[in-house]
């Protein structure tokens, strides 16, 4: 379980995150949803102390994150970036093994774990010898997920991990990640500005605006009872698109 208690971050006179309090239950996927500058990525980074809070606390499984050495904390948490961040001079297998090397795993044990992960993300052990440049964008993102899972974390943080991918690849990876998370019983915090992605993936959605938490609810409850007009407008876009798509499909059926 993760607890954010009155979490705030100031950059000079700018308030990036303003008193966010949120509890994320074990095994839950919570999406931080908001536009550019809403504070969602800064909030995510404060969980594993890539950004240090100005005020407030992060509690992970009953422990204050600030009381743990940052490297120790990060070894417990998988992190997936939008830009992936694979090392171009390393093979796929070497990239996935980086967290295992940092954690002091023996070579044979690490090799077996890498092979296991390559099967888990549906690339296969033979892919381990390739370099990132030989992979498609979707395959690279799968490797990024495998690297985040390498040391068997129970918590994953994902910062717009599928945002740069084409729609078909993005859809496949969203579905694959959803299945993988449930299989491994992961707790996850997922940042996106894409409303449809949030609605399809989340157990609950936390809407941020100007650094403040505006509403936290299940996708269904958020659709049925938005907290204000701005959230209602945010949710109206996918509904309008769904209606327009349905009209197009109906029109094709009548032809």
Protein backbone atom coordinates (compact mmCIF):
# COMPACT_ATOMS: atom_id res chain seq x y z
CA UNK A 1 0.00 0.00 0.00
CA UNK A 2 1.15 3.55 -0.77
CA UNK A 3 0.06 6.64 1.12
CA UNK A 4 0.70 10.17 -0.06
CA UNK A 5 0.18 12.50 2.88
CA UNK A 6 -0.15 16.21 2.05
CA UNK A 7 2.57 15.87 -0.57
CA UNK A 8 3.85 19.13 -2.03
CA UNK A 9 6.64 20.29 -4.30
CA UNK A 10 7.81 23.84 -4.94
CA UNK A 11 10.30 24.86 -7.60
CA UNK A 12 11.22 28.35 -6.47
CA UNK A 13 7.97 30.32 -6.43
CA UNK A 14 6.19 27.74 -8.57
CA UNK A 15 3.94 25.24 -6.80
CA UNK A 16 4.12 22.05 -8.88
CA UNK A 17 2.23 19.82 -6.43
CA UNK A 18 0.01 21.22 -3.72
CA UNK A 19 -0.94 19.07 -0.71
CA UNK A 20 -1.85 15.83 -2.50
CA UNK A 21 -3.19 13.07 -0.22
CA UNK A 22 -3.96 9.70 -1.77
CA UNK A 23 -4.01 6.05 -0.69
CA UNK A 24 -3.25 3.31 -3.22
CA UNK A 25 -4.19 -0.18 -2.10
CA UNK A 26 -2.06 -3.26 -2.72
CA UNK A 27 -2.75 -4.71 -6.17
CA UNK A 28 -4.50 -1.55 -7.38
CA UNK A 29 -3.72 0.46 -10.51
CA UNK A 30 -4.27 4.17 -9.97
CA UNK A 31 -3.92 6.52 -12.93
CA UNK A 32 -2.77 10.10 -12.37
CA UNK A 33 -4.64 12.00 -15.07
CA UNK A 34 -4.17 15.59 -16.06
CA UNK A 35 -2.86 17.98 -18.64
CA UNK A 36 0.61 19.42 -19.00
CA UNK A 37 1.65 21.18 -15.80
CA UNK A 38 -0.96 19.45 -13.64
CA UNK A 39 1.70 17.90 -11.38
CA UNK A 40 1.17 14.25 -12.26
CA UNK A 41 4.77 13.38 -13.25
CA UNK A 42 6.24 15.30 -10.32
CA UNK A 43 3.90 13.43 -7.98
CA UNK A 44 5.00 10.12 -9.50
CA UNK A 45 8.69 10.98 -9.14
CA UNK A 46 8.27 11.90 -5.49
CA UNK A 47 7.12 8.34 -4.73
CA UNK A 48 10.60 6.94 -5.46
CA UNK A 49 12.43 10.16 -4.60
CA UNK A 50 13.62 11.04 -8.07
CA UNK A 51 12.17 14.34 -6.89
CA UNK A 52 12.35 15.13 -3.18
CA UNK A 53 9.12 16.54 -1.66
CA UNK A 54 9.10 20.07 -0.27
CA UNK A 55 6.47 19.02 2.25
CA UNK A 56 4.48 15.92 3.14
CA UNK A 57 5.32 12.24 3.28
CA UNK A 58 5.28 9.11 1.15
CA UNK A 59 4.54 5.91 3.08
CA UNK A 60 5.19 2.58 1.32
CA UNK A 61 4.02 -0.56 3.12
CA UNK A 62 4.12 1.30 6.42
CA UNK A 63 7.63 2.71 5.95
CA UNK A 64 8.45 6.37 5.41
CA UNK A 65 10.21 6.60 2.05
CA UNK A 66 12.33 9.49 3.33
CA UNK A 67 13.82 7.21 6.01
CA UNK A 68 15.20 4.76 3.42
CA UNK A 69 18.36 5.33 1.38
CA UNK A 70 17.16 6.38 -2.07
CA UNK A 71 18.98 3.54 -3.93
CA UNK A 72 17.43 0.96 -1.57
CA UNK A 73 13.99 2.46 -2.11
CA UNK A 74 14.36 2.44 -5.90
CA UNK A 75 15.43 -1.20 -5.96
CA UNK A 76 11.98 -2.04 -4.55
CA UNK A 77 10.15 -0.08 -7.24
CA UNK A 78 9.96 -0.70 -10.98
CA UNK A 79 9.99 2.47 -13.10
CA UNK A 80 8.98 2.68 -16.78
CA UNK A 81 9.64 5.85 -18.76
CA UNK A 82 7.96 7.07 -21.93
CA UNK A 83 11.37 7.46 -23.58
CA UNK A 84 12.34 3.96 -22.39
CA UNK A 85 15.99 4.83 -21.70
CA UNK A 86 17.62 1.61 -22.92
CA UNK A 87 21.41 1.68 -23.13
CA UNK A 88 22.27 1.52 -26.86
CA UNK A 89 25.69 -0.10 -26.32
CA UNK A 90 24.18 -3.02 -24.39
CA UNK A 91 22.23 -6.02 -25.63
CA UNK A 92 18.59 -6.48 -24.70
CA UNK A 93 19.58 -9.06 -22.09
CA UNK A 94 22.21 -6.74 -20.60
CA UNK A 95 19.69 -3.90 -20.40
CA UNK A 96 17.18 -6.05 -18.53
CA UNK A 97 19.90 -7.30 -16.18
CA UNK A 98 21.02 -3.82 -15.04
CA UNK A 99 18.81 -3.77 -11.89
CA UNK A 100 19.92 -7.31 -11.07
CA UNK A 101 23.58 -6.33 -11.28
CA UNK A 102 22.94 -3.36 -9.00
CA UNK A 103 21.14 -5.66 -6.56
CA UNK A 104 24.10 -8.07 -6.52
CA UNK A 105 22.45 -11.07 -8.17
CA UNK A 106 24.78 -13.92 -9.18
CA UNK A 107 25.37 -14.16 -12.94
CA UNK A 108 23.61 -17.50 -13.47
CA UNK A 109 20.59 -16.43 -11.44
CA UNK A 110 20.40 -13.11 -13.33
CA UNK A 111 20.64 -14.89 -16.70
CA UNK A 112 17.78 -17.22 -15.78
CA UNK A 113 15.68 -14.24 -14.64
CA UNK A 114 16.33 -12.37 -17.89
CA UNK A 115 15.25 -15.39 -19.96
CA UNK A 116 12.12 -15.71 -17.80
CA UNK A 117 11.27 -12.05 -18.37
CA UNK A 118 11.81 -12.23 -22.13
CA UNK A 119 9.26 -15.04 -22.24
CA UNK A 120 6.92 -13.12 -19.94
CA UNK A 121 6.88 -10.08 -22.25
CA UNK A 122 6.43 -12.38 -25.28
CA UNK A 123 9.74 -11.60 -27.00
CA UNK A 124 11.54 -14.89 -26.33
CA UNK A 125 15.04 -15.57 -25.01
CA UNK A 126 16.60 -15.36 -28.51
CA UNK A 127 15.86 -11.61 -28.52
CA UNK A 128 18.29 -11.14 -25.66
CA UNK A 129 21.29 -11.01 -28.00
CA UNK A 130 19.92 -8.11 -30.05
CA UNK A 131 20.64 -4.43 -29.48
CA UNK A 132 17.88 -1.85 -28.87
CA UNK A 133 18.43 -0.42 -32.36
CA UNK A 134 17.33 -3.75 -33.85
CA UNK A 135 13.94 -3.60 -32.10
CA UNK A 136 10.71 -1.84 -32.99
CA UNK A 137 9.36 0.87 -30.68
CA UNK A 138 6.87 -1.53 -29.17
CA UNK A 139 9.54 -4.17 -28.58
CA UNK A 140 11.80 -1.58 -26.93
CA UNK A 141 8.95 -0.59 -24.61
CA UNK A 142 8.43 -4.25 -23.69
CA UNK A 143 12.11 -4.45 -22.78
CA UNK A 144 11.67 -1.34 -20.64
CA UNK A 145 8.83 -3.07 -18.78
CA UNK A 146 10.94 -6.23 -18.38
CA UNK A 147 13.82 -4.20 -16.91
CA UNK A 148 11.42 -2.57 -14.45
CA UNK A 149 10.18 -6.03 -13.41
CA UNK A 150 13.65 -7.59 -13.19
CA UNK A 151 14.19 -7.41 -9.43
CA UNK A 152 10.64 -8.60 -8.72
CA UNK A 153 9.15 -5.36 -7.38
CA UNK A 154 5.61 -5.31 -6.05
CA UNK A 155 5.20 -1.64 -7.03
CA UNK A 156 5.55 -0.13 -10.48
CA UNK A 157 5.57 3.51 -11.54
CA UNK A 158 4.83 4.22 -15.21
CA UNK A 159 5.27 7.68 -16.73
CA UNK A 160 3.25 7.81 -19.98
CA UNK A 161 4.91 4.56 -21.08
CA UNK A 162 2.91 4.08 -24.29
CA UNK A 163 2.43 7.69 -25.36
CA UNK A 164 5.00 7.70 -28.18
CA UNK A 165 3.76 4.52 -29.85
CA UNK A 166 1.46 4.09 -32.84
CA UNK A 167 -2.20 3.30 -31.98
CA UNK A 168 -2.09 -0.43 -32.77
CA UNK A 169 1.12 -1.04 -30.81
CA UNK A 170 -0.18 1.10 -27.98
CA UNK A 171 -3.39 -0.91 -27.77
CA UNK A 172 -1.50 -4.22 -27.73
CA UNK A 173 0.85 -3.05 -24.98
CA UNK A 174 -1.99 -1.62 -22.88
CA UNK A 175 -3.72 -5.00 -23.01
CA UNK A 176 -0.50 -6.91 -22.35
CA UNK A 177 0.40 -4.72 -19.40
CA UNK A 178 -3.08 -5.07 -17.92
CA UNK A 179 -2.84 -8.86 -18.09
CA UNK A 180 0.72 -8.86 -16.75
CA UNK A 181 -0.15 -6.64 -13.81
CA UNK A 182 -3.02 -8.88 -12.75
CA UNK A 183 -0.92 -12.03 -13.18
CA UNK A 184 1.90 -10.65 -11.01
CA UNK A 185 -0.46 -8.86 -8.56
CA UNK A 186 1.40 -5.59 -9.00
CA UNK A 187 0.48 -2.30 -7.41
CA UNK A 188 0.90 0.40 -10.07
CA UNK A 189 0.76 4.18 -10.43
CA UNK A 190 0.35 5.18 -14.07
CA UNK A 191 0.68 8.72 -15.44
CA UNK A 192 -1.17 9.73 -18.59
CA UNK A 193 -2.89 12.70 -20.18
CA UNK A 194 -4.98 10.34 -22.35
CA UNK A 195 -8.51 10.08 -20.96
CA UNK A 196 -9.40 6.88 -22.86
CA UNK A 197 -6.21 5.16 -21.68
CA UNK A 198 -7.03 6.14 -18.10
CA UNK A 199 -10.62 4.89 -18.33
CA UNK A 200 -9.60 1.55 -19.84
CA UNK A 201 -6.66 0.74 -17.54
CA UNK A 202 -7.43 2.19 -14.13
CA UNK A 203 -9.03 0.73 -11.05
CA UNK A 204 -9.26 4.35 -9.90
CA UNK A 205 -8.38 7.67 -11.52
CA UNK A 206 -6.86 10.62 -9.64
CA UNK A 207 -7.47 13.84 -11.58
CA UNK A 208 -4.86 16.56 -11.00
CA UNK A 209 -5.14 20.21 -11.95
CA UNK A 210 -2.62 22.96 -11.20
CA UNK A 211 -0.85 20.64 -8.76
CA UNK A 212 -3.96 19.85 -6.72
CA UNK A 213 -6.00 16.68 -6.51
CA UNK A 214 -9.47 17.45 -7.85
CA UNK A 215 -11.22 14.06 -7.80
CA UNK A 216 -10.39 10.41 -7.12
CA UNK A 217 -12.85 7.78 -8.27
CA UNK A 218 -13.41 4.64 -10.31
CA UNK A 219 -13.75 5.19 -14.06
CA UNK A 220 -17.50 4.48 -13.89
CA UNK A 221 -18.06 6.84 -10.95
CA UNK A 222 -15.97 9.53 -12.61
CA UNK A 223 -18.12 9.31 -15.74
CA UNK A 224 -21.38 9.28 -13.78
CA UNK A 225 -20.52 12.03 -11.28
CA UNK A 226 -17.68 14.37 -12.33
CA UNK A 227 -16.71 16.75 -9.54
CA UNK A 228 -16.91 19.88 -11.68
CA UNK A 229 -17.60 21.17 -15.17
CA UNK A 230 -13.96 20.92 -16.28
CA UNK A 231 -13.82 17.21 -15.46
CA UNK A 232 -17.18 16.76 -17.20
CA UNK A 233 -15.74 18.39 -20.33
CA UNK A 234 -12.63 16.21 -20.05
CA UNK A 235 -14.80 13.08 -20.04
CA UNK A 236 -17.14 14.34 -22.74
CA UNK A 237 -14.42 14.05 -25.41
CA UNK A 238 -14.20 10.22 -25.44
CA UNK A 239 -18.00 9.99 -25.18
CA UNK A 240 -18.43 12.27 -28.20
CA UNK A 241 -15.80 10.33 -30.13
CA UNK A 242 -17.53 7.04 -29.25
CA UNK A 243 -20.86 8.43 -30.52
CA UNK A 244 -19.27 9.65 -33.75
CA UNK A 245 -17.55 6.30 -34.29
CA UNK A 246 -20.81 4.45 -33.60
CA UNK A 247 -22.57 6.65 -36.15
CA UNK A 248 -19.88 5.87 -38.74
CA UNK A 249 -20.13 2.14 -38.07
CA UNK A 250 -23.93 2.27 -38.29
CA UNK A 251 -23.61 4.13 -41.54
CA UNK A 252 -21.31 1.44 -42.93
CA UNK A 253 -23.80 -1.20 -41.85
CA UNK A 254 -26.62 0.57 -43.74
CA UNK A 255 -24.61 0.84 -46.96
